[in-house]
Amino acid sequence: MERLSFFEGRIIIDPDVCNGHPIIRGKRITVQSIIEYLGAGDSQEQILAEYPFLEAEDIRACLQFASLLMSKRYDVLRVA
């Protein structure tokens, strides 16, 4: 699988980095981690203080990426 890039290179999917999970600009911080921090009530300012190498645009790109995933149609299969 090749490397994929979204939102002007802010979100990267590389099968050789973090088991192929979407990350922020090669920083090995996953989109999932940022979304979980926000979901737990952390503010953008708190996240940026914890990870000073990130930018506010990175957090917005994570939210946009999550929104893009949620815009897809999902089918629920019944098992057993």
Protein backbone atom coordinates (compact mmCIF):
# COMPACT_ATOMS: atom_id res chain seq x y z
CA MET A 1 0.00 0.00 0.00
CA GLU A 2 1.23 3.46 -0.77
CA ARG A 3 1.37 6.49 1.49
CA LEU A 4 -1.77 8.67 1.45
CA SER A 5 -2.02 12.34 2.33
CA PHE A 6 -5.06 14.44 3.26
CA PHE A 7 -5.72 18.11 4.02
CA GLU A 8 -2.59 19.53 2.40
CA GLY A 9 -0.34 16.92 3.98
CA ARG A 10 -1.48 17.44 7.55
CA ILE A 11 -2.90 13.90 7.82
CA ILE A 12 -0.78 11.02 6.56
CA ILE A 13 -1.50 7.31 6.27
CA ASP A 14 1.68 5.30 5.85
CA PRO A 15 1.53 1.53 6.28
CA ASP A 16 5.05 1.61 7.78
CA VAL A 17 4.23 4.17 10.50
CA CYS A 18 2.00 3.50 13.54
CA ASN A 19 0.61 0.34 11.93
CA GLY A 20 -1.00 2.38 9.16
CA HIS A 21 -3.14 4.52 11.48
CA PRO A 22 -3.68 8.10 10.28
CA ILE A 23 -1.10 10.41 11.86
CA ILE A 24 -0.38 14.11 11.95
CA ARG A 25 2.37 15.21 9.53
CA GLY A 26 4.67 12.30 10.31
CA LYS A 27 4.78 13.16 14.02
CA ARG A 28 3.64 9.70 15.17
CA ILE A 29 0.67 11.29 16.92
CA THR A 30 -2.46 9.56 15.67
CA VAL A 31 -5.63 11.32 14.63
CA GLN A 32 -7.43 8.97 17.00
CA SER A 33 -5.39 10.24 19.96
CA ILE A 34 -6.30 13.87 19.23
CA ILE A 35 -9.98 13.01 18.79
CA GLU A 36 -9.91 11.07 22.07
CA TYR A 37 -8.32 14.02 23.90
CA LEU A 38 -11.01 16.33 22.56
CA GLY A 39 -13.71 13.80 23.46
CA ALA A 40 -12.36 13.58 27.01
CA GLY A 41 -12.79 17.34 27.37
CA ASP A 42 -9.27 18.58 26.69
CA SER A 43 -9.19 21.94 24.94
CA GLN A 44 -7.21 22.71 21.82
CA GLU A 45 -4.96 24.89 23.98
CA GLN A 46 -4.27 21.99 26.37
CA ILE A 47 -3.38 19.67 23.50
CA LEU A 48 -1.07 22.26 21.95
CA ALA A 49 0.63 22.81 25.31
CA GLU A 50 1.16 19.03 25.67
CA TYR A 51 2.45 18.73 22.07
CA PRO A 52 4.11 22.06 21.25
CA PHE A 53 5.23 20.80 17.83
CA LEU A 54 1.58 20.62 16.71
CA GLU A 55 -0.35 23.54 15.25
CA ALA A 56 -4.00 24.51 15.61
CA GLU A 57 -4.45 23.60 11.93
CA ASP A 58 -3.38 20.03 12.76
CA ILE A 59 -6.20 19.69 15.27
CA ARG A 60 -8.70 21.10 12.78
CA ALA A 61 -7.42 18.63 10.18
CA CYS A 62 -8.05 15.78 12.65
CA LEU A 63 -11.64 16.93 13.08
CA GLN A 64 -12.09 17.28 9.33
CA PHE A 65 -10.66 13.80 8.79
CA ALA A 66 -13.02 12.31 11.39
CA SER A 67 -15.92 14.10 9.71
CA LEU A 68 -14.84 12.74 6.33
CA LEU A 69 -14.87 9.19 7.72
CA MET A 70 -18.30 9.69 9.28
CA SER A 71 -19.72 10.92 5.98
CA LYS A 72 -19.35 7.39 4.55
CA ARG A 73 -22.16 4.88 4.57
CA TYR A 74 -21.76 1.96 6.92
CA ASP A 75 -23.76 -1.27 6.88
CA VAL A 76 -24.32 -3.24 10.06
CA LEU A 77 -24.21 -6.99 9.56
CA ARG A 78 -26.03 -9.29 11.91
CA VAL A 79 -23.87 -12.14 13.18
CA ALA A 80 -25.45 -15.42 14.39
